């Protein structure tokens, strides 16, 4: 399934689909750092709707594998626990 990015944040089915894709990519690629800048991004009318904590699977991956390193101006930087 392919779509434009605007559709992925307004269509509930696309939000669910791309949320799963994102979590699968995160698990597969295991990045060293996870940066959540949704609250700093003025694009979203209500950033609380799209923060990573709203996606249970993503929230779990971040809780299991990452530790919050710093938070500033709406940007949260997480580092993989095995690198600390």
C-alpha atoms as a PDB file:
ATOM      1  CA  UNK A   1       0.000   0.000   0.000  1.00  0.00           C
ATOM      2  CA  UNK A   2       1.428   3.365  -1.000  1.00  0.00           C
ATOM      3  CA  UNK A   3       0.035   6.817  -0.382  1.00  0.00           C
ATOM      4  CA  UNK A   4       1.121  10.392   0.170  1.00  0.00           C
ATOM      5  CA  UNK A   5       2.279  11.389   3.635  1.00  0.00           C
ATOM      6  CA  UNK A   6      -0.724  13.630   4.307  1.00  0.00           C
ATOM      7  CA  UNK A   7      -3.029  10.647   3.932  1.00  0.00           C
ATOM      8  CA  UNK A   8      -1.038   8.650   6.448  1.00  0.00           C
ATOM      9  CA  UNK A   9      -1.825  11.095   9.243  1.00  0.00           C
ATOM     10  CA  UNK A  10      -5.547  11.511   8.550  1.00  0.00           C
ATOM     11  CA  UNK A  11      -6.832   8.095   7.484  1.00  0.00           C
ATOM     12  CA  UNK A  12      -7.173   5.714  10.473  1.00  0.00           C
ATOM     13  CA  UNK A  13      -6.470   2.634   8.331  1.00  0.00           C
ATOM     14  CA  UNK A  14      -3.317   4.206   6.938  1.00  0.00           C
ATOM     15  CA  UNK A  15      -2.218   5.360  10.373  1.00  0.00           C
ATOM     16  CA  UNK A  16      -2.496   1.772  11.610  1.00  0.00           C
ATOM     17  CA  UNK A  17      -0.808   0.316   8.528  1.00  0.00           C
ATOM     18  CA  UNK A  18       2.144   2.706   8.518  1.00  0.00           C
ATOM     19  CA  UNK A  19       2.436   2.486  12.287  1.00  0.00           C
ATOM     20  CA  UNK A  20       3.022  -1.260  11.957  1.00  0.00           C
ATOM     21  CA  UNK A  21       5.454  -0.698   9.081  1.00  0.00           C
ATOM     22  CA  UNK A  22       7.396   1.832  11.158  1.00  0.00           C
ATOM     23  CA  UNK A  23       7.672  -0.518  14.149  1.00  0.00           C
ATOM     24  CA  UNK A  24       8.778  -3.383  11.899  1.00  0.00           C
ATOM     25  CA  UNK A  25      11.424  -1.147  10.305  1.00  0.00           C
ATOM     26  CA  UNK A  26      12.620   0.012  13.717  1.00  0.00           C
ATOM     27  CA  UNK A  27      13.005  -3.588  14.932  1.00  0.00           C
ATOM     28  CA  UNK A  28      14.726  -4.687  11.742  1.00  0.00           C
ATOM     29  CA  UNK A  29      17.185  -1.776  11.546  1.00  0.00           C
ATOM     30  CA  UNK A  30      17.801  -1.306  15.281  1.00  0.00           C
ATOM     31  CA  UNK A  31      18.986   2.336  15.076  1.00  0.00           C
ATOM     32  CA  UNK A  32      21.345   3.671  17.723  1.00  0.00           C
ATOM     33  CA  UNK A  33      19.186   6.720  18.373  1.00  0.00           C
ATOM     34  CA  UNK A  34      15.444   7.393  18.292  1.00  0.00           C
ATOM     35  CA  UNK A  35      14.412  11.051  18.116  1.00  0.00           C
ATOM     36  CA  UNK A  36      10.842  12.088  18.798  1.00  0.00           C
ATOM     37  CA  UNK A  37      10.358  15.644  17.618  1.00  0.00           C
ATOM     38  CA  UNK A  38       6.604  15.581  17.135  1.00  0.00           C
ATOM     39  CA  UNK A  39       5.934  18.085  19.926  1.00  0.00           C
ATOM     40  CA  UNK A  40       8.446  20.511  18.418  1.00  0.00           C
ATOM     41  CA  UNK A  41       6.938  20.172  14.941  1.00  0.00           C
ATOM     42  CA  UNK A  42       4.291  22.819  14.227  1.00  0.00           C
ATOM     43  CA  UNK A  43       2.831  20.660  11.449  1.00  0.00           C
ATOM     44  CA  UNK A  44       0.505  18.814  13.814  1.00  0.00           C
ATOM     45  CA  UNK A  45      -2.536  20.590  15.246  1.00  0.00           C
ATOM     46  CA  UNK A  46      -2.518  18.246  18.227  1.00  0.00           C
ATOM     47  CA  UNK A  47       0.846  16.503  18.589  1.00  0.00           C
ATOM     48  CA  UNK A  48      -0.499  14.421  21.487  1.00  0.00           C
ATOM     49  CA  UNK A  49      -2.381  12.361  18.876  1.00  0.00           C
ATOM     50  CA  UNK A  50       0.771  11.242  17.100  1.00  0.00           C
ATOM     51  CA  UNK A  51       3.466  10.986  19.775  1.00  0.00           C
ATOM     52  CA  UNK A  52       5.157   7.596  19.848  1.00  0.00           C
ATOM     53  CA  UNK A  53       3.457   6.710  23.139  1.00  0.00           C
ATOM     54  CA  UNK A  54       0.093   6.527  21.303  1.00  0.00           C
ATOM     55  CA  UNK A  55       1.256   3.501  19.301  1.00  0.00           C
ATOM     56  CA  UNK A  56       1.388   0.614  21.816  1.00  0.00           C
ATOM     57  CA  UNK A  57       3.881  -1.445  19.797  1.00  0.00           C
ATOM     58  CA  UNK A  58       6.189   1.523  19.233  1.00  0.00           C
ATOM     59  CA  UNK A  59       5.899   2.569  22.857  1.00  0.00           C
ATOM     60  CA  UNK A  60       6.941  -0.949  23.898  1.00  0.00           C
ATOM     61  CA  UNK A  61       9.968  -1.063  21.576  1.00  0.00           C
ATOM     62  CA  UNK A  62      11.180   2.299  22.867  1.00  0.00           C
ATOM     63  CA  UNK A  63      10.616   1.286  26.503  1.00  0.00           C
ATOM     64  CA  UNK A  64      12.389  -2.050  26.034  1.00  0.00           C
ATOM     65  CA  UNK A  65      15.377  -0.982  23.952  1.00  0.00           C
ATOM     66  CA  UNK A  66      15.943   2.736  24.521  1.00  0.00           C
ATOM     67  CA  UNK A  67      16.644   5.148  27.355  1.00  0.00           C
ATOM     68  CA  UNK A  68      15.695   8.817  27.290  1.00  0.00           C
ATOM     69  CA  UNK A  69      18.927  10.779  27.048  1.00  0.00           C
ATOM     70  CA  UNK A  70      17.619  14.338  26.856  1.00  0.00           C
ATOM     71  CA  UNK A  71      14.497  16.416  26.288  1.00  0.00           C
ATOM     72  CA  UNK A  72      14.520  19.997  25.131  1.00  0.00           C
ATOM     73  CA  UNK A  73      12.061  22.262  23.308  1.00  0.00           C
ATOM     74  CA  UNK A  74       9.722  19.391  22.486  1.00  0.00           C
ATOM     75  CA  UNK A  75      12.471  17.095  21.202  1.00  0.00           C
ATOM     76  CA  UNK A  76      13.160  13.820  23.009  1.00  0.00           C
ATOM     77  CA  UNK A  77      16.366  11.931  22.230  1.00  0.00           C
ATOM     78  CA  UNK A  78      16.555   8.252  23.122  1.00  0.00           C
ATOM     79  CA  UNK A  79      19.670   6.057  22.901  1.00  0.00           C
ATOM     80  CA  UNK A  80      19.731   2.277  22.673  1.00  0.00           C
ATOM     81  CA  UNK A  81      20.323   0.827  26.138  1.00  0.00           C
ATOM     82  CA  UNK A  82      23.056  -1.532  24.964  1.00  0.00           C
ATOM     83  CA  UNK A  83      25.146   1.485  23.911  1.00  0.00           C
ATOM     84  CA  UNK A  84      25.083   3.174  27.293  1.00  0.00           C
END
